[in-house]
Amino acid sequence: MNAERVLDGAMRAYWHSDPADVSVNAICQMAGISKPSLYREFGSEDGLSRAVLDRYAELVLSEVFVVLHGGHGLHQTLAALIDFASDDPRMETGCLFYKMRAGKHRLGPETRARVEEIDAAAQAAYAGFLQAARDAGEWPDGLSVEAGAKYLGEQIALAITQRASGEDKARIREMLTLALSVFERG
């Protein structure tokens, strides 16, 4: 069994539909492996979904963290986030992380814990970005960094969710640009 191939196939399956709607049987059939082989490699369905989420974080979410930690200033970073949410072709069917976060009550304990870890890391990255913008004089004092971080993350999530529902990319870009313009008002 090629674990990387199984992970990539399961990631595509989870990403392109609701992760709760993808059965282990379907993943095994798609990968041409038996259930016992899958369970030997990943321990359980929860172990598989946790490994898939880790893979997704490594391949996709890491790019968002690079943007947030890039030190390119408020305007350029917001523009890069808007580009990612509205134009990245991988987001046509939504974000696997946001799908798992929205349905975390249906996930196993390992995957649910990993979703919460990633969510906390994302909020910390958004907060770090906003604090750096404040320290550079690009974002005013008096506004809560934590509230701003939550707002920023949720606006990105909404834009990507709208893409998955077939909303026009230009319209999403316009709405997200408007939503994030609050960060550029001094």
N, C-alpha and C. Protein backbone atom coordinates (compact mmCIF):
# COMPACT_ATOMS: atom_id res chain seq x y z
N MET A 1 0.83 -1.18 0.00
CA MET A 1 0.00 0.00 0.00
C MET A 1 0.88 1.25 0.00
N ASN A 2 0.54 2.19 -0.85
CA ASN A 2 1.24 3.46 -0.92
C ASN A 2 0.45 4.48 -0.09
N ALA A 3 0.93 4.75 1.12
CA ALA A 3 0.21 5.62 2.05
C ALA A 3 0.01 7.02 1.49
N GLU A 4 1.02 7.55 0.80
CA GLU A 4 0.90 8.90 0.21
C GLU A 4 -0.22 8.94 -0.82
N ARG A 5 -0.32 7.91 -1.63
CA ARG A 5 -1.37 7.85 -2.65
C ARG A 5 -2.75 7.75 -2.00
N VAL A 6 -2.84 6.97 -0.95
CA VAL A 6 -4.11 6.85 -0.22
C VAL A 6 -4.49 8.20 0.38
N LEU A 7 -3.52 8.87 1.01
CA LEU A 7 -3.80 10.18 1.61
C LEU A 7 -4.23 11.19 0.55
N ASP A 8 -3.54 11.22 -0.57
CA ASP A 8 -3.91 12.17 -1.62
C ASP A 8 -5.30 11.89 -2.17
N GLY A 9 -5.62 10.63 -2.36
CA GLY A 9 -6.96 10.26 -2.85
C GLY A 9 -8.04 10.58 -1.83
N ALA A 10 -7.78 10.27 -0.58
CA ALA A 10 -8.75 10.57 0.48
C ALA A 10 -8.91 12.08 0.64
N MET A 11 -7.81 12.81 0.53
CA MET A 11 -7.89 14.26 0.64
C MET A 11 -8.77 14.83 -0.47
N ARG A 12 -8.58 14.37 -1.70
CA ARG A 12 -9.42 14.84 -2.80
C ARG A 12 -10.88 14.49 -2.56
N ALA A 13 -11.13 13.28 -2.10
CA ALA A 13 -12.52 12.85 -1.85
C ALA A 13 -13.17 13.68 -0.76
N TYR A 14 -12.48 13.88 0.35
CA TYR A 14 -13.01 14.69 1.45
C TYR A 14 -13.22 16.15 1.02
N TRP A 15 -12.26 16.65 0.25
CA TRP A 15 -12.25 18.05 -0.15
C TRP A 15 -13.39 18.36 -1.12
N HIS A 16 -13.66 17.43 -2.02
CA HIS A 16 -14.64 17.69 -3.08
C HIS A 16 -16.07 17.37 -2.68
N SER A 17 -16.25 16.84 -1.50
CA SER A 17 -17.61 16.63 -0.99
C SER A 17 -17.56 16.86 0.52
N ASP A 18 -18.59 16.50 1.20
CA ASP A 18 -18.58 16.63 2.66
C ASP A 18 -17.79 15.46 3.22
N PRO A 19 -16.77 15.71 4.05
CA PRO A 19 -15.96 14.60 4.58
C PRO A 19 -16.80 13.51 5.25
N ALA A 20 -17.91 13.88 5.87
CA ALA A 20 -18.76 12.88 6.54
C ALA A 20 -19.47 11.98 5.54
N ASP A 21 -19.56 12.41 4.28
CA ASP A 21 -20.24 11.61 3.25
C ASP A 21 -19.31 10.64 2.53
N VAL A 22 -18.02 10.68 2.86
CA VAL A 22 -17.04 9.81 2.19
C VAL A 22 -16.78 8.61 3.10
N SER A 23 -17.12 7.45 2.62
CA SER A 23 -16.94 6.24 3.44
C SER A 23 -15.53 5.67 3.30
N VAL A 24 -15.14 4.94 4.32
CA VAL A 24 -13.87 4.22 4.27
C VAL A 24 -13.89 3.23 3.11
N ASN A 25 -15.03 2.60 2.88
CA ASN A 25 -15.15 1.66 1.77
C ASN A 25 -14.85 2.34 0.44
N ALA A 26 -15.37 3.56 0.25
CA ALA A 26 -15.13 4.29 -0.99
C ALA A 26 -13.64 4.62 -1.14
N ILE A 27 -13.01 5.01 -0.06
CA ILE A 27 -11.57 5.32 -0.11
C ILE A 27 -10.77 4.07 -0.43
N CYS A 28 -11.13 2.96 0.21
CA CYS A 28 -10.42 1.70 -0.06
C CYS A 28 -10.60 1.28 -1.52
N GLN A 29 -11.81 1.40 -2.01
CA GLN A 29 -12.09 1.03 -3.40
C GLN A 29 -11.31 1.93 -4.35
N MET A 30 -11.31 3.22 -4.10
CA MET A 30 -10.61 4.18 -4.94
C MET A 30 -9.10 3.89 -4.94
N ALA A 31 -8.56 3.56 -3.78
CA ALA A 31 -7.12 3.31 -3.66
C ALA A 31 -6.72 1.88 -4.03
N GLY A 32 -7.73 1.01 -4.20
CA GLY A 32 -7.43 -0.39 -4.52
C GLY A 32 -6.78 -1.13 -3.37
N ILE A 33 -7.22 -0.83 -2.14
CA ILE A 33 -6.67 -1.49 -0.96
C ILE A 33 -7.81 -2.07 -0.13
N SER A 34 -7.44 -2.92 0.81
CA SER A 34 -8.44 -3.49 1.70
C SER A 34 -8.57 -2.63 2.95
N LYS A 35 -9.72 -2.80 3.61
CA LYS A 35 -9.92 -2.07 4.89
C LYS A 35 -8.85 -2.43 5.92
N PRO A 36 -8.52 -3.72 6.07
CA PRO A 36 -7.46 -4.04 7.04
C PRO A 36 -6.14 -3.33 6.73
N SER A 37 -5.81 -3.18 5.44
CA SER A 37 -4.58 -2.46 5.08
C SER A 37 -4.67 -1.01 5.50
N LEU A 38 -5.81 -0.41 5.26
CA LEU A 38 -6.00 0.99 5.64
C LEU A 38 -5.89 1.15 7.16
N TYR A 39 -6.55 0.24 7.90
CA TYR A 39 -6.53 0.33 9.36
C TYR A 39 -5.14 0.03 9.93
N ARG A 40 -4.38 -0.85 9.28
CA ARG A 40 -3.01 -1.10 9.73
C ARG A 40 -2.16 0.16 9.58
N GLU A 41 -2.38 0.88 8.49
CA GLU A 41 -1.58 2.09 8.23
C GLU A 41 -2.00 3.28 9.09
N PHE A 42 -3.31 3.49 9.23
CA PHE A 42 -3.80 4.71 9.88
C PHE A 42 -4.49 4.47 11.22
N GLY A 43 -4.69 3.22 11.60
CA GLY A 43 -5.25 2.90 12.91
C GLY A 43 -6.76 2.86 12.94
N SER A 44 -7.40 3.82 12.29
CA SER A 44 -8.85 3.92 12.33
C SER A 44 -9.29 4.93 11.27
N GLU A 45 -10.59 5.08 11.11
CA GLU A 45 -11.10 6.12 10.21
C GLU A 45 -10.70 7.50 10.73
N ASP A 46 -10.72 7.67 12.04
CA ASP A 46 -10.29 8.92 12.65
C ASP A 46 -8.82 9.18 12.37
N GLY A 47 -8.00 8.14 12.45
CA GLY A 47 -6.57 8.28 12.15
C GLY A 47 -6.35 8.69 10.70
N LEU A 48 -7.15 8.14 9.80
CA LEU A 48 -7.06 8.51 8.38
C LEU A 48 -7.45 9.97 8.19
N SER A 49 -8.58 10.38 8.75
CA SER A 49 -9.03 11.76 8.54
C SER A 49 -8.05 12.75 9.18
N ARG A 50 -7.46 12.37 10.30
CA ARG A 50 -6.44 13.22 10.93
C ARG A 50 -5.22 13.34 10.01
N ALA A 51 -4.78 12.22 9.44
CA ALA A 51 -3.64 12.24 8.53
C ALA A 51 -3.95 13.06 7.27
N VAL A 52 -5.17 12.96 6.78
CA VAL A 52 -5.59 13.75 5.62
C VAL A 52 -5.54 15.24 5.96
N LEU A 53 -6.05 15.61 7.12
CA LEU A 53 -6.03 17.01 7.53
C LEU A 53 -4.59 17.51 7.68
N ASP A 54 -3.72 16.68 8.23
CA ASP A 54 -2.31 17.06 8.34
C ASP A 54 -1.71 17.30 6.95
N ARG A 55 -2.03 16.43 6.03
CA ARG A 55 -1.53 16.56 4.65
C ARG A 55 -2.04 17.84 4.02
N TYR A 56 -3.33 18.12 4.20
CA TYR A 56 -3.93 19.34 3.67
C TYR A 56 -3.27 20.58 4.28
N ALA A 57 -3.03 20.54 5.57
CA ALA A 57 -2.37 21.66 6.24
C ALA A 57 -0.98 21.89 5.66
N GLU A 58 -0.27 20.80 5.39
CA GLU A 58 1.07 20.89 4.83
C GLU A 58 1.07 21.44 3.41
N LEU A 59 0.11 21.01 2.59
CA LEU A 59 0.11 21.38 1.18
C LEU A 59 -0.62 22.68 0.88
N VAL A 60 -1.65 23.02 1.64
CA VAL A 60 -2.49 24.17 1.30
C VAL A 60 -2.46 25.25 2.38
N LEU A 61 -2.81 24.89 3.60
CA LEU A 61 -2.90 25.90 4.66
C LEU A 61 -1.55 26.55 4.94
N SER A 62 -0.48 25.82 4.74
CA SER A 62 0.85 26.38 4.97
C SER A 62 1.07 27.63 4.12
N GLU A 63 0.47 27.68 2.94
CA GLU A 63 0.62 28.85 2.07
C GLU A 63 -0.02 30.09 2.70
N VAL A 64 -1.13 29.92 3.38
CA VAL A 64 -1.78 31.04 4.05
C VAL A 64 -0.91 31.52 5.20
N PHE A 65 -0.32 30.59 5.94
CA PHE A 65 0.57 30.97 7.04
C PHE A 65 1.79 31.72 6.51
N VAL A 66 2.31 31.31 5.36
CA VAL A 66 3.45 32.02 4.75
C VAL A 66 3.06 33.46 4.43
N VAL A 67 1.86 33.64 3.87
CA VAL A 67 1.37 34.99 3.56
C VAL A 67 1.28 35.82 4.84
N LEU A 68 0.68 35.24 5.88
CA LEU A 68 0.48 35.99 7.13
C LEU A 68 1.79 36.32 7.84
N HIS A 69 2.78 35.46 7.71
CA HIS A 69 4.07 35.67 8.39
C HIS A 69 5.10 36.35 7.50
N GLY A 70 4.68 36.71 6.28
CA GLY A 70 5.62 37.23 5.28
C GLY A 70 6.19 38.61 5.56
N GLY A 71 5.53 39.38 6.42
CA GLY A 71 6.04 40.71 6.74
C GLY A 71 5.94 41.69 5.60
N HIS A 72 4.93 41.53 4.75
CA HIS A 72 4.81 42.39 3.57
C HIS A 72 3.89 43.59 3.79
N GLY A 73 3.50 43.85 5.00
CA GLY A 73 2.67 44.99 5.29
C GLY A 73 1.19 44.69 5.15
N LEU A 74 0.40 45.57 5.70
CA LEU A 74 -1.04 45.37 5.78
C LEU A 74 -1.68 45.23 4.40
N HIS A 75 -1.47 46.21 3.54
CA HIS A 75 -2.16 46.22 2.25
C HIS A 75 -1.79 45.00 1.39
N GLN A 76 -0.51 44.73 1.27
CA GLN A 76 -0.06 43.63 0.42
C GLN A 76 -0.53 42.27 0.98
N THR A 77 -0.52 42.12 2.27
CA THR A 77 -0.96 40.86 2.87
C THR A 77 -2.46 40.67 2.68
N LEU A 78 -3.24 41.72 2.91
CA LEU A 78 -4.69 41.61 2.67
C LEU A 78 -4.97 41.28 1.21
N ALA A 79 -4.24 41.91 0.29
CA ALA A 79 -4.42 41.63 -1.14
C ALA A 79 -4.10 40.17 -1.45
N ALA A 80 -3.06 39.62 -0.83
CA ALA A 80 -2.70 38.21 -1.06
C ALA A 80 -3.77 37.27 -0.49
N LEU A 81 -4.35 37.62 0.64
CA LEU A 81 -5.43 36.81 1.21
C LEU A 81 -6.67 36.86 0.32
N ILE A 82 -6.97 38.03 -0.21
CA ILE A 82 -8.10 38.16 -1.14
C ILE A 82 -7.85 37.33 -2.39
N ASP A 83 -6.63 37.38 -2.92
CA ASP A 83 -6.29 36.56 -4.09
C ASP A 83 -6.48 35.09 -3.80
N PHE A 84 -6.00 34.64 -2.65
CA PHE A 84 -6.12 33.23 -2.29
C PHE A 84 -7.59 32.81 -2.22
N ALA A 85 -8.38 33.58 -1.48
CA ALA A 85 -9.79 33.20 -1.26
C ALA A 85 -10.62 33.30 -2.53
N SER A 86 -10.35 34.28 -3.36
CA SER A 86 -11.22 34.48 -4.52
C SER A 86 -10.70 33.85 -5.80
N ASP A 87 -9.40 33.60 -5.92
CA ASP A 87 -8.85 33.15 -7.20
C ASP A 87 -8.14 31.80 -7.19
N ASP A 88 -7.70 31.33 -6.04
CA ASP A 88 -6.94 30.07 -6.03
C ASP A 88 -7.83 28.96 -6.58
N PRO A 89 -7.40 28.30 -7.66
CA PRO A 89 -8.25 27.28 -8.28
C PRO A 89 -8.57 26.10 -7.35
N ARG A 90 -7.73 25.86 -6.36
CA ARG A 90 -7.99 24.75 -5.44
C ARG A 90 -9.20 25.02 -4.56
N MET A 91 -9.60 26.27 -4.43
CA MET A 91 -10.72 26.62 -3.55
C MET A 91 -12.07 26.55 -4.27
N GLU A 92 -12.09 26.11 -5.50
CA GLU A 92 -13.35 26.00 -6.26
C GLU A 92 -14.38 25.14 -5.53
N THR A 93 -13.93 24.13 -4.84
CA THR A 93 -14.86 23.27 -4.11
C THR A 93 -14.82 23.55 -2.61
N GLY A 94 -14.23 24.67 -2.23
CA GLY A 94 -14.15 25.04 -0.83
C GLY A 94 -12.84 24.64 -0.20
N CYS A 95 -12.78 24.78 1.08
CA CYS A 95 -11.58 24.49 1.87
C CYS A 95 -11.86 23.28 2.74
N LEU A 96 -11.02 22.27 2.63
CA LEU A 96 -11.21 21.06 3.42
C LEU A 96 -11.18 21.39 4.92
N PHE A 97 -10.28 22.26 5.34
CA PHE A 97 -10.23 22.61 6.75
C PHE A 97 -11.54 23.23 7.21
N TYR A 98 -12.08 24.18 6.46
CA TYR A 98 -13.34 24.82 6.86
C TYR A 98 -14.49 23.83 6.85
N LYS A 99 -14.47 22.88 5.92
CA LYS A 99 -15.51 21.84 5.91
C LYS A 99 -15.42 21.00 7.17
N MET A 100 -14.20 20.62 7.54
CA MET A 100 -14.04 19.82 8.75
C MET A 100 -14.38 20.62 10.00
N ARG A 101 -14.01 21.90 10.00
CA ARG A 101 -14.33 22.74 11.16
C ARG A 101 -15.84 22.88 11.32
N ALA A 102 -16.55 23.08 10.22
CA ALA A 102 -18.01 23.24 10.28
C ALA A 102 -18.70 21.96 10.73
N GLY A 103 -18.13 20.81 10.39
CA GLY A 103 -18.73 19.54 10.76
C GLY A 103 -17.95 18.79 11.81
N LYS A 104 -17.20 19.52 12.66
CA LYS A 104 -16.31 18.84 13.61
C LYS A 104 -17.04 17.94 14.59
N HIS A 105 -18.30 18.21 14.82
CA HIS A 105 -19.08 17.36 15.72
C HIS A 105 -19.25 15.94 15.14
N ARG A 106 -19.00 15.79 13.84
CA ARG A 106 -19.11 14.47 13.19
C ARG A 106 -17.75 13.79 13.03
N LEU A 107 -16.69 14.43 13.51
CA LEU A 107 -15.35 13.88 13.37
C LEU A 107 -14.97 13.10 14.62
N GLY A 108 -13.98 12.23 14.46
CA GLY A 108 -13.45 11.50 15.60
C GLY A 108 -12.62 12.42 16.48
N PRO A 109 -12.27 11.98 17.67
CA PRO A 109 -11.58 12.84 18.63
C PRO A 109 -10.20 13.33 18.16
N GLU A 110 -9.44 12.48 17.46
CA GLU A 110 -8.11 12.91 16.97
C GLU A 110 -8.24 14.01 15.94
N THR A 111 -9.15 13.84 14.99
CA THR A 111 -9.33 14.83 13.93
C THR A 111 -9.92 16.11 14.49
N ARG A 112 -10.88 15.97 15.39
CA ARG A 112 -11.49 17.15 16.02
C ARG A 112 -10.43 17.95 16.78
N ALA A 113 -9.57 17.27 17.50
CA ALA A 113 -8.50 17.96 18.23
C ALA A 113 -7.55 18.67 17.26
N ARG A 114 -7.25 18.03 16.14
CA ARG A 114 -6.36 18.66 15.14
C ARG A 114 -7.03 19.87 14.50
N VAL A 115 -8.33 19.79 14.24
CA VAL A 115 -9.07 20.95 13.71
C VAL A 115 -8.94 22.11 14.69
N GLU A 116 -9.12 21.84 15.96
CA GLU A 116 -9.03 22.89 16.97
C GLU A 116 -7.61 23.47 17.07
N GLU A 117 -6.60 22.61 16.92
CA GLU A 117 -5.20 23.09 16.93
C GLU A 117 -4.94 24.01 15.75
N ILE A 118 -5.38 23.60 14.57
CA ILE A 118 -5.17 24.41 13.37
C ILE A 118 -5.94 25.72 13.48
N ASP A 119 -7.15 25.66 13.98
CA ASP A 119 -7.95 26.87 14.14
C ASP A 119 -7.26 27.83 15.09
N ALA A 120 -6.74 27.33 16.20
CA ALA A 120 -6.03 28.19 17.16
C ALA A 120 -4.76 28.77 16.53
N ALA A 121 -4.04 27.98 15.76
CA ALA A 121 -2.83 28.46 15.08
C ALA A 121 -3.17 29.53 14.06
N ALA A 122 -4.28 29.35 13.35
CA ALA A 122 -4.71 30.35 12.36
C ALA A 122 -5.08 31.65 13.05
N GLN A 123 -5.82 31.55 14.15
CA GLN A 123 -6.19 32.77 14.88
C GLN A 123 -4.95 33.48 15.41
N ALA A 124 -3.98 32.72 15.88
CA ALA A 124 -2.73 33.32 16.36
C ALA A 124 -1.97 33.98 15.20
N ALA A 125 -1.98 33.36 14.03
CA ALA A 125 -1.31 33.94 12.87
C ALA A 125 -2.00 35.22 12.42
N TYR A 126 -3.33 35.21 12.38
CA TYR A 126 -4.06 36.43 12.03
C TYR A 126 -3.78 37.53 13.06
N ALA A 127 -3.79 37.17 14.34
CA ALA A 127 -3.52 38.15 15.39
C ALA A 127 -2.10 38.68 15.29
N GLY A 128 -1.15 37.80 15.03
CA GLY A 128 0.24 38.23 14.87
C GLY A 128 0.41 39.19 13.70
N PHE A 129 -0.28 38.90 12.60
CA PHE A 129 -0.24 39.78 11.43
C PHE A 129 -0.81 41.15 11.79
N LEU A 130 -1.96 41.18 12.46
CA LEU A 130 -2.58 42.45 12.82
C LEU A 130 -1.75 43.22 13.84
N GLN A 131 -1.14 42.51 14.79
CA GLN A 131 -0.28 43.18 15.76
C GLN A 131 0.94 43.78 15.07
N ALA A 132 1.50 43.07 14.11
CA ALA A 132 2.64 43.60 13.35
C ALA A 132 2.22 44.84 12.56
N ALA A 133 1.02 44.82 12.00
CA ALA A 133 0.50 45.99 11.28
C ALA A 133 0.33 47.16 12.24
N ARG A 134 -0.14 46.86 13.44
CA ARG A 134 -0.30 47.92 14.46
C ARG A 134 1.08 48.47 14.85
N ASP A 135 2.02 47.59 15.07
CA ASP A 135 3.37 48.01 15.47
C ASP A 135 4.03 48.86 14.38
N ALA A 136 3.67 48.61 13.12
CA ALA A 136 4.22 49.38 12.00
C ALA A 136 3.43 50.66 11.74
N GLY A 137 2.40 50.90 12.55
CA GLY A 137 1.60 52.10 12.39
C GLY A 137 0.57 52.01 11.27
N GLU A 138 0.32 50.79 10.79
CA GLU A 138 -0.63 50.61 9.68
C GLU A 138 -2.05 50.30 10.16
N TRP A 139 -2.18 49.95 11.42
CA TRP A 139 -3.50 49.59 11.96
C TRP A 139 -3.65 50.27 13.30
N PRO A 140 -4.75 50.96 13.54
CA PRO A 140 -4.85 51.83 14.71
C PRO A 140 -4.96 51.09 16.05
N ASP A 141 -4.47 51.77 17.07
CA ASP A 141 -4.69 51.30 18.44
C ASP A 141 -6.18 51.45 18.74
N GLY A 142 -6.61 50.80 19.77
CA GLY A 142 -8.00 50.94 20.18
C GLY A 142 -8.91 49.88 19.60
N LEU A 143 -8.48 49.22 18.56
CA LEU A 143 -9.26 48.12 18.00
C LEU A 143 -8.68 46.81 18.53
N SER A 144 -9.52 45.88 18.86
CA SER A 144 -9.08 44.61 19.42
C SER A 144 -8.40 43.74 18.36
N VAL A 145 -7.16 43.37 18.63
CA VAL A 145 -6.44 42.47 17.71
C VAL A 145 -7.15 41.13 17.65
N GLU A 146 -7.61 40.63 18.78
CA GLU A 146 -8.28 39.32 18.81
C GLU A 146 -9.58 39.35 18.00
N ALA A 147 -10.38 40.40 18.17
CA ALA A 147 -11.63 40.51 17.41
C ALA A 147 -11.32 40.68 15.92
N GLY A 148 -10.30 41.46 15.61
CA GLY A 148 -9.90 41.64 14.22
C GLY A 148 -9.44 40.33 13.59
N ALA A 149 -8.69 39.55 14.36
CA ALA A 149 -8.21 38.25 13.86
C ALA A 149 -9.37 37.31 13.58
N LYS A 150 -10.32 37.27 14.49
CA LYS A 150 -11.50 36.41 14.30
C LYS A 150 -12.29 36.86 13.07
N TYR A 151 -12.51 38.17 12.95
CA TYR A 151 -13.24 38.73 11.83
C TYR A 151 -12.53 38.40 10.51
N LEU A 152 -11.23 38.60 10.46
CA LEU A 152 -10.46 38.33 9.24
C LEU A 152 -10.57 36.87 8.83
N GLY A 153 -10.37 35.97 9.78
CA GLY A 153 -10.48 34.54 9.48
C GLY A 153 -11.86 34.15 8.99
N GLU A 154 -12.89 34.70 9.61
CA GLU A 154 -14.26 34.36 9.21
C GLU A 154 -14.62 34.93 7.84
N GLN A 155 -14.07 36.10 7.51
CA GLN A 155 -14.33 36.66 6.17
C GLN A 155 -13.68 35.80 5.08
N ILE A 156 -12.48 35.32 5.35
CA ILE A 156 -11.81 34.43 4.40
C ILE A 156 -12.62 33.13 4.26
N ALA A 157 -13.06 32.59 5.38
CA ALA A 157 -13.86 31.35 5.36
C ALA A 157 -15.15 31.56 4.56
N LEU A 158 -15.81 32.68 4.77
CA LEU A 158 -17.06 32.96 4.05
C LEU A 158 -16.81 33.05 2.55
N ALA A 159 -15.76 33.73 2.14
CA ALA A 159 -15.46 33.87 0.72
C ALA A 159 -15.21 32.51 0.08
N ILE A 160 -14.46 31.66 0.75
CA ILE A 160 -14.15 30.34 0.20
C ILE A 160 -15.41 29.47 0.17
N THR A 161 -16.24 29.58 1.17
CA THR A 161 -17.51 28.85 1.19
C THR A 161 -18.41 29.31 0.05
N GLN A 162 -18.42 30.60 -0.23
CA GLN A 162 -19.21 31.12 -1.35
C GLN A 162 -18.69 30.58 -2.67
N ARG A 163 -17.39 30.45 -2.81
CA ARG A 163 -16.83 29.86 -4.03
C ARG A 163 -17.33 28.44 -4.20
N ALA A 164 -17.35 27.69 -3.12
CA ALA A 164 -17.80 26.29 -3.20
C ALA A 164 -19.27 26.21 -3.59
N SER A 165 -20.04 27.24 -3.27
CA SER A 165 -21.46 27.21 -3.62
C SER A 165 -21.71 27.77 -5.02
N GLY A 166 -20.65 28.12 -5.75
CA GLY A 166 -20.79 28.54 -7.14
C GLY A 166 -20.94 30.03 -7.36
N GLU A 167 -20.74 30.81 -6.33
CA GLU A 167 -20.82 32.28 -6.45
C GLU A 167 -19.74 32.76 -7.42
N ASP A 168 -20.02 33.81 -8.15
CA ASP A 168 -19.09 34.39 -9.12
C ASP A 168 -17.82 34.88 -8.43
N LYS A 169 -16.66 34.49 -8.97
CA LYS A 169 -15.38 34.85 -8.35
C LYS A 169 -15.17 36.36 -8.28
N ALA A 170 -15.57 37.07 -9.32
CA ALA A 170 -15.41 38.53 -9.31
C ALA A 170 -16.27 39.16 -8.22
N ARG A 171 -17.46 38.62 -8.03
CA ARG A 171 -18.36 39.13 -7.00
C ARG A 171 -17.79 38.82 -5.61
N ILE A 172 -17.22 37.63 -5.45
CA ILE A 172 -16.60 37.27 -4.16
C ILE A 172 -15.43 38.20 -3.87
N ARG A 173 -14.60 38.45 -4.87
CA ARG A 173 -13.47 39.37 -4.71
C ARG A 173 -13.97 40.75 -4.27
N GLU A 174 -15.02 41.23 -4.92
CA GLU A 174 -15.57 42.54 -4.59
C GLU A 174 -16.09 42.59 -3.15
N MET A 175 -16.83 41.56 -2.75
CA MET A 175 -17.38 41.53 -1.39
C MET A 175 -16.28 41.39 -0.34
N LEU A 176 -15.29 40.54 -0.62
CA LEU A 176 -14.20 40.35 0.34
C LEU A 176 -13.34 41.61 0.45
N THR A 177 -13.11 42.25 -0.68
CA THR A 177 -12.36 43.52 -0.65
C THR A 177 -13.09 44.55 0.21
N LEU A 178 -14.40 44.61 0.05
CA LEU A 178 -15.20 45.53 0.87
C LEU A 178 -15.11 45.13 2.35
N ALA A 179 -15.28 43.85 2.64
CA ALA A 179 -15.24 43.38 4.03
C ALA A 179 -13.90 43.66 4.69
N LEU A 180 -12.81 43.49 3.95
CA LEU A 180 -11.49 43.68 4.54
C LEU A 180 -11.04 45.13 4.51
N SER A 181 -11.78 45.99 3.84
CA SER A 181 -11.42 47.41 3.80
C SER A 181 -11.46 48.04 5.19
N VAL A 182 -12.18 47.40 6.13
CA VAL A 182 -12.22 47.94 7.49
C VAL A 182 -10.83 47.96 8.14
N PHE A 183 -9.95 47.09 7.65
CA PHE A 183 -8.60 47.05 8.23
C PHE A 183 -7.73 48.19 7.72
N GLU A 184 -8.12 48.82 6.63
CA GLU A 184 -7.28 49.85 6.05
C GLU A 184 -7.79 51.25 6.35
N ARG A 185 -8.77 51.33 7.20
CA ARG A 185 -9.27 52.64 7.63
C ARG A 185 -8.55 53.04 8.91
N GLY A 186 -8.07 54.21 8.95
CA GLY A 186 -7.31 54.62 10.12
C GLY A 186 -8.04 55.60 10.91
